[in-house]
Amino acid sequence: MQTPSDKVVTPLRRLAIHSTTTCSAEATAYGKCILATYVDVRKDTCKREFEKFGQCLRQAVCPQDG
């Protein structure tokens, strides 16, 4: 038996769904950048990729009406 709370999608669940589906290309690019530079990590090395991933998540999780 399914309860009404089973259909509620929490913000964290919505974030998880979008980070693995909607924003998978951006997540992959960011992950590859981190993997390529993890031995010699410096501040802002993957900033561009991180910003694109974050922007995708913000648009997917909190779409703007209008």
PDB file of N, CA and C in Angstrom:
ATOM      1  N   MET A   1       0.833  -1.174   0.000  1.00  0.00           N
ATOM      2  CA  MET A   1       0.000   0.000   0.000  1.00  0.00           C
ATOM      3  C   MET A   1       0.884   1.247   0.000  1.00  0.00           C
ATOM      4  N   GLN A   2       0.590   2.173  -0.881  1.00  0.00           N
ATOM      5  CA  GLN A   2       1.381   3.375  -1.009  1.00  0.00           C
ATOM      6  C   GLN A   2       0.730   4.506  -0.213  1.00  0.00           C
ATOM      7  N   THR A   3       1.538   5.217   0.567  1.00  0.00           N
ATOM      8  CA  THR A   3       1.021   6.341   1.342  1.00  0.00           C
ATOM      9  C   THR A   3       1.299   7.640   0.593  1.00  0.00           C
ATOM     10  N   PRO A   4       0.599   8.722   0.913  1.00  0.00           N
ATOM     11  CA  PRO A   4       0.854   9.996   0.233  1.00  0.00           C
ATOM     12  C   PRO A   4       2.295  10.467   0.363  1.00  0.00           C
ATOM     13  N   SER A   5       2.953  10.155   1.473  1.00  0.00           N
ATOM     14  CA  SER A   5       4.339  10.595   1.654  1.00  0.00           C
ATOM     15  C   SER A   5       5.303   9.885   0.713  1.00  0.00           C
ATOM     16  N   ASP A   6       4.894   8.740   0.148  1.00  0.00           N
ATOM     17  CA  ASP A   6       5.746   8.031  -0.811  1.00  0.00           C
ATOM     18  C   ASP A   6       5.925   8.838  -2.094  1.00  0.00           C
ATOM     19  N   LYS A   7       4.962   9.700  -2.408  1.00  0.00           N
ATOM     20  CA  LYS A   7       5.010  10.479  -3.639  1.00  0.00           C
ATOM     21  C   LYS A   7       5.708  11.820  -3.459  1.00  0.00           C
ATOM     22  N   VAL A   8       5.994  12.218  -2.227  1.00  0.00           N
ATOM     23  CA  VAL A   8       6.654  13.487  -1.951  1.00  0.00           C
ATOM     24  C   VAL A   8       8.119  13.378  -2.345  1.00  0.00           C
ATOM     25  N   VAL A   9       8.562  14.334  -3.134  1.00  0.00           N
ATOM     26  CA  VAL A   9       9.958  14.365  -3.539  1.00  0.00           C
ATOM     27  C   VAL A   9      10.623  15.501  -2.770  1.00  0.00           C
ATOM     28  N   THR A  10      11.515  15.128  -1.882  1.00  0.00           N
ATOM     29  CA  THR A  10      12.211  16.121  -1.068  1.00  0.00           C
ATOM     30  C   THR A  10      13.245  16.855  -1.921  1.00  0.00           C
ATOM     31  N   PRO A  11      13.653  18.041  -1.491  1.00  0.00           N
ATOM     32  CA  PRO A  11      14.682  18.766  -2.247  1.00  0.00           C
ATOM     33  C   PRO A  11      15.965  17.954  -2.427  1.00  0.00           C
ATOM     34  N   LEU A  12      16.354  17.212  -1.407  1.00  0.00           N
ATOM     35  CA  LEU A  12      17.567  16.403  -1.517  1.00  0.00           C
ATOM     36  C   LEU A  12      17.403  15.298  -2.553  1.00  0.00           C
ATOM     37  N   ARG A  13      16.251  14.663  -2.567  1.00  0.00           N
ATOM     38  CA  ARG A  13      15.998  13.617  -3.565  1.00  0.00           C
ATOM     39  C   ARG A  13      15.967  14.219  -4.969  1.00  0.00           C
ATOM     40  N   ARG A  14      15.341  15.391  -5.105  1.00  0.00           N
ATOM     41  CA  ARG A  14      15.277  16.063  -6.408  1.00  0.00           C
ATOM     42  C   ARG A  14      16.689  16.410  -6.876  1.00  0.00           C
ATOM     43  N   LEU A  15      17.533  16.878  -5.952  1.00  0.00           N
ATOM     44  CA  LEU A  15      18.922  17.183  -6.290  1.00  0.00           C
ATOM     45  C   LEU A  15      19.653  15.928  -6.760  1.00  0.00           C
ATOM     46  N   ALA A  16      19.470  14.829  -6.054  1.00  0.00           N
ATOM     47  CA  ALA A  16      20.129  13.572  -6.428  1.00  0.00           C
ATOM     48  C   ALA A  16      19.683  13.098  -7.803  1.00  0.00           C
ATOM     49  N   ILE A  17      18.401  13.199  -8.061  1.00  0.00           N
ATOM     50  CA  ILE A  17      17.867  12.769  -9.367  1.00  0.00           C
ATOM     51  C   ILE A  17      18.464  13.608 -10.488  1.00  0.00           C
ATOM     52  N   HIS A  18      18.462  14.923 -10.318  1.00  0.00           N
ATOM     53  CA  HIS A  18      18.959  15.799 -11.379  1.00  0.00           C
ATOM     54  C   HIS A  18      20.466  15.712 -11.544  1.00  0.00           C
ATOM     55  N   SER A  19      21.187  15.471 -10.457  1.00  0.00           N
ATOM     56  CA  SER A  19      22.644  15.403 -10.574  1.00  0.00           C
ATOM     57  C   SER A  19      23.091  14.159 -11.329  1.00  0.00           C
ATOM     58  N   THR A  20      22.245  13.135 -11.366  1.00  0.00           N
ATOM     59  CA  THR A  20      22.627  11.911 -12.069  1.00  0.00           C
ATOM     60  C   THR A  20      21.940  11.745 -13.417  1.00  0.00           C
ATOM     61  N   THR A  21      20.936  12.533 -13.698  1.00  0.00           N
ATOM     62  CA  THR A  21      20.238  12.404 -14.984  1.00  0.00           C
ATOM     63  C   THR A  21      20.307  13.696 -15.786  1.00  0.00           C
ATOM     64  N   THR A  22      19.607  14.717 -15.343  1.00  0.00           N
ATOM     65  CA  THR A  22      19.514  15.972 -16.079  1.00  0.00           C
ATOM     66  C   THR A  22      20.880  16.612 -16.304  1.00  0.00           C
ATOM     67  N   CYS A  23      21.714  16.587 -15.300  1.00  0.00           N
ATOM     68  CA  CYS A  23      23.013  17.269 -15.356  1.00  0.00           C
ATOM     69  C   CYS A  23      24.187  16.294 -15.463  1.00  0.00           C
ATOM     70  N   SER A  24      23.948  15.142 -16.036  1.00  0.00           N
ATOM     71  CA  SER A  24      25.002  14.130 -16.083  1.00  0.00           C
ATOM     72  C   SER A  24      26.209  14.572 -16.919  1.00  0.00           C
ATOM     73  N   ALA A  25      25.984  15.305 -17.992  1.00  0.00           N
ATOM     74  CA  ALA A  25      27.114  15.754 -18.823  1.00  0.00           C
ATOM     75  C   ALA A  25      27.994  16.731 -18.053  1.00  0.00           C
ATOM     76  N   GLU A  26      27.358  17.662 -17.337  1.00  0.00           N
ATOM     77  CA  GLU A  26      28.105  18.632 -16.545  1.00  0.00           C
ATOM     78  C   GLU A  26      28.816  17.951 -15.373  1.00  0.00           C
ATOM     79  N   ALA A  27      28.145  16.990 -14.747  1.00  0.00           N
ATOM     80  CA  ALA A  27      28.748  16.243 -13.640  1.00  0.00           C
ATOM     81  C   ALA A  27      29.954  15.456 -14.123  1.00  0.00           C
ATOM     82  N   THR A  28      29.843  14.863 -15.291  1.00  0.00           N
ATOM     83  CA  THR A  28      30.944  14.088 -15.862  1.00  0.00           C
ATOM     84  C   THR A  28      32.136  14.985 -16.169  1.00  0.00           C
ATOM     85  N   ALA A  29      31.877  16.147 -16.761  1.00  0.00           N
ATOM     86  CA  ALA A  29      32.964  17.079 -17.084  1.00  0.00           C
ATOM     87  C   ALA A  29      33.679  17.531 -15.817  1.00  0.00           C
ATOM     88  N   TYR A  30      32.918  17.835 -14.777  1.00  0.00           N
ATOM     89  CA  TYR A  30      33.514  18.263 -13.506  1.00  0.00           C
ATOM     90  C   TYR A  30      34.310  17.115 -12.880  1.00  0.00           C
ATOM     91  N   GLY A  31      33.753  15.926 -12.895  1.00  0.00           N
ATOM     92  CA  GLY A  31      34.439  14.757 -12.348  1.00  0.00           C
ATOM     93  C   GLY A  31      35.735  14.454 -13.081  1.00  0.00           C
ATOM     94  N   LYS A  32      35.717  14.570 -14.394  1.00  0.00           N
ATOM     95  CA  LYS A  32      36.932  14.335 -15.183  1.00  0.00           C
ATOM     96  C   LYS A  32      38.003  15.369 -14.870  1.00  0.00           C
ATOM     97  N   CYS A  33      37.575  16.606 -14.676  1.00  0.00           N
ATOM     98  CA  CYS A  33      38.539  17.654 -14.325  1.00  0.00           C
ATOM     99  C   CYS A  33      39.176  17.362 -12.975  1.00  0.00           C
ATOM    100  N   ILE A  34      38.362  17.018 -12.005  1.00  0.00           N
ATOM    101  CA  ILE A  34      38.876  16.691 -10.672  1.00  0.00           C
ATOM    102  C   ILE A  34      39.821  15.492 -10.748  1.00  0.00           C
ATOM    103  N   LEU A  35      39.416  14.466 -11.480  1.00  0.00           N
ATOM    104  CA  LEU A  35      40.244  13.270 -11.611  1.00  0.00           C
ATOM    105  C   LEU A  35      41.588  13.586 -12.264  1.00  0.00           C
ATOM    106  N   ALA A  36      41.565  14.459 -13.259  1.00  0.00           N
ATOM    107  CA  ALA A  36      42.795  14.794 -13.971  1.00  0.00           C
ATOM    108  C   ALA A  36      43.750  15.628 -13.126  1.00  0.00           C
ATOM    109  N   THR A  37      43.239  16.304 -12.102  1.00  0.00           N
ATOM    110  CA  THR A  37      44.085  17.227 -11.340  1.00  0.00           C
ATOM    111  C   THR A  37      44.167  16.895  -9.850  1.00  0.00           C
ATOM    112  N   TYR A  38      43.668  15.734  -9.444  1.00  0.00           N
ATOM    113  CA  TYR A  38      43.572  15.450  -8.011  1.00  0.00           C
ATOM    114  C   TYR A  38      44.924  15.367  -7.303  1.00  0.00           C
ATOM    115  N   VAL A  39      45.979  15.059  -8.020  1.00  0.00           N
ATOM    116  CA  VAL A  39      47.297  14.954  -7.398  1.00  0.00           C
ATOM    117  C   VAL A  39      47.851  16.343  -7.071  1.00  0.00           C
ATOM    118  N   ASP A  40      47.523  17.311  -7.897  1.00  0.00           N
ATOM    119  CA  ASP A  40      48.036  18.670  -7.724  1.00  0.00           C
ATOM    120  C   ASP A  40      46.872  19.658  -7.738  1.00  0.00           C
ATOM    121  N   VAL A  41      45.978  19.509  -6.791  1.00  0.00           N
ATOM    122  CA  VAL A  41      44.783  20.353  -6.742  1.00  0.00           C
ATOM    123  C   VAL A  41      45.168  21.768  -6.329  1.00  0.00           C
ATOM    124  N   ARG A  42      44.640  22.702  -7.045  1.00  0.00           N
ATOM    125  CA  ARG A  42      44.819  24.118  -6.734  1.00  0.00           C
ATOM    126  C   ARG A  42      43.448  24.784  -6.764  1.00  0.00           C
ATOM    127  N   LYS A  43      43.341  25.846  -6.008  1.00  0.00           N
ATOM    128  CA  LYS A  43      42.068  26.563  -5.955  1.00  0.00           C
ATOM    129  C   LYS A  43      41.651  26.994  -7.357  1.00  0.00           C
ATOM    130  N   ASP A  44      40.377  26.786  -7.640  1.00  0.00           N
ATOM    131  CA  ASP A  44      39.733  27.196  -8.898  1.00  0.00           C
ATOM    132  C   ASP A  44      40.214  26.433 -10.129  1.00  0.00           C
ATOM    133  N   THR A  45      40.915  25.314  -9.946  1.00  0.00           N
ATOM    134  CA  THR A  45      41.375  24.535 -11.094  1.00  0.00           C
ATOM    135  C   THR A  45      40.198  24.103 -11.967  1.00  0.00           C
ATOM    136  N   CYS A  46      39.127  23.648 -11.339  1.00  0.00           N
ATOM    137  CA  CYS A  46      37.960  23.171 -12.080  1.00  0.00           C
ATOM    138  C   CYS A  46      36.757  24.093 -11.868  1.00  0.00           C
ATOM    139  N   LYS A  47      37.038  25.355 -11.650  1.00  0.00           N
ATOM    140  CA  LYS A  47      35.982  26.322 -11.341  1.00  0.00           C
ATOM    141  C   LYS A  47      34.937  26.410 -12.444  1.00  0.00           C
ATOM    142  N   ARG A  48      35.373  26.466 -13.681  1.00  0.00           N
ATOM    143  CA  ARG A  48      34.434  26.594 -14.803  1.00  0.00           C
ATOM    144  C   ARG A  48      33.488  25.402 -14.855  1.00  0.00           C
ATOM    145  N   GLU A  49      34.028  24.203 -14.722  1.00  0.00           N
ATOM    146  CA  GLU A  49      33.213  22.990 -14.760  1.00  0.00           C
ATOM    147  C   GLU A  49      32.252  22.942 -13.570  1.00  0.00           C
ATOM    148  N   PHE A  50      32.753  23.334 -12.401  1.00  0.00           N
ATOM    149  CA  PHE A  50      31.922  23.349 -11.198  1.00  0.00           C
ATOM    150  C   PHE A  50      30.773  24.344 -11.346  1.00  0.00           C
ATOM    151  N   GLU A  51      31.058  25.514 -11.891  1.00  0.00           N
ATOM    152  CA  GLU A  51      30.015  26.520 -12.081  1.00  0.00           C
ATOM    153  C   GLU A  51      28.949  26.051 -13.061  1.00  0.00           C
ATOM    154  N   LYS A  52      29.365  25.395 -14.139  1.00  0.00           N
ATOM    155  CA  LYS A  52      28.392  24.870 -15.106  1.00  0.00           C
ATOM    156  C   LYS A  52      27.516  23.791 -14.468  1.00  0.00           C
ATOM    157  N   PHE A  53      28.121  22.921 -13.678  1.00  0.00           N
ATOM    158  CA  PHE A  53      27.380  21.871 -12.984  1.00  0.00           C
ATOM    159  C   PHE A  53      26.404  22.490 -11.984  1.00  0.00           C
ATOM    160  N   GLY A  54      26.866  23.441 -11.209  1.00  0.00           N
ATOM    161  CA  GLY A  54      26.004  24.112 -10.236  1.00  0.00           C
ATOM    162  C   GLY A  54      24.854  24.850 -10.895  1.00  0.00           C
ATOM    163  N   GLN A  55      25.127  25.522 -12.006  1.00  0.00           N
ATOM    164  CA  GLN A  55      24.079  26.239 -12.724  1.00  0.00           C
ATOM    165  C   GLN A  55      23.029  25.268 -13.254  1.00  0.00           C
ATOM    166  N   CYS A  56      23.472  24.154 -13.780  1.00  0.00           N
ATOM    167  CA  CYS A  56      22.543  23.144 -14.274  1.00  0.00           C
ATOM    168  C   CYS A  56      21.654  22.634 -13.144  1.00  0.00           C
ATOM    169  N   LEU A  57      22.255  22.341 -11.998  1.00  0.00           N
ATOM    170  CA  LEU A  57      21.477  21.850 -10.857  1.00  0.00           C
ATOM    171  C   LEU A  57      20.478  22.891 -10.371  1.00  0.00           C
ATOM    172  N   ARG A  58      20.904  24.141 -10.284  1.00  0.00           N
ATOM    173  CA  ARG A  58      19.988  25.192  -9.839  1.00  0.00           C
ATOM    174  C   ARG A  58      18.803  25.323 -10.792  1.00  0.00           C
ATOM    175  N   GLN A  59      19.065  25.266 -12.092  1.00  0.00           N
ATOM    176  CA  GLN A  59      17.981  25.377 -13.067  1.00  0.00           C
ATOM    177  C   GLN A  59      17.057  24.160 -13.014  1.00  0.00           C
ATOM    178  N   ALA A  60      17.611  23.001 -12.787  1.00  0.00           N
ATOM    179  CA  ALA A  60      16.814  21.777 -12.761  1.00  0.00           C
ATOM    180  C   ALA A  60      15.980  21.652 -11.484  1.00  0.00           C
ATOM    181  N   VAL A  61      16.584  22.008 -10.353  1.00  0.00           N
ATOM    182  CA  VAL A  61      15.916  21.820  -9.063  1.00  0.00           C
ATOM    183  C   VAL A  61      14.964  22.976  -8.759  1.00  0.00           C
ATOM    184  N   CYS A  62      15.316  24.167  -9.144  1.00  0.00           N
ATOM    185  CA  CYS A  62      14.498  25.346  -8.832  1.00  0.00           C
ATOM    186  C   CYS A  62      14.189  26.116 -10.123  1.00  0.00           C
ATOM    187  N   PRO A  63      13.384  25.538 -10.998  1.00  0.00           N
ATOM    188  CA  PRO A  63      13.087  26.225 -12.256  1.00  0.00           C
ATOM    189  C   PRO A  63      12.351  27.539 -11.987  1.00  0.00           C
ATOM    190  N   GLN A  64      12.707  28.555 -12.729  1.00  0.00           N
ATOM    191  CA  GLN A  64      12.088  29.867 -12.587  1.00  0.00           C
ATOM    192  C   GLN A  64      10.850  29.937 -13.469  1.00  0.00           C
ATOM    193  N   ASP A  65       9.758  30.387 -12.897  1.00  0.00           N
ATOM    194  CA  ASP A  65       8.540  30.595 -13.683  1.00  0.00           C
ATOM    195  C   ASP A  65       8.617  31.965 -14.334  1.00  0.00           C
ATOM    196  N   GLY A  66       8.157  32.004 -15.557  1.00  0.00           N
ATOM    197  CA  GLY A  66       8.060  33.328 -16.146  1.00  0.00           C
ATOM    198  C   GLY A  66       8.807  33.472 -17.370  1.00  0.00           C
TER     199      GLY A  66
END
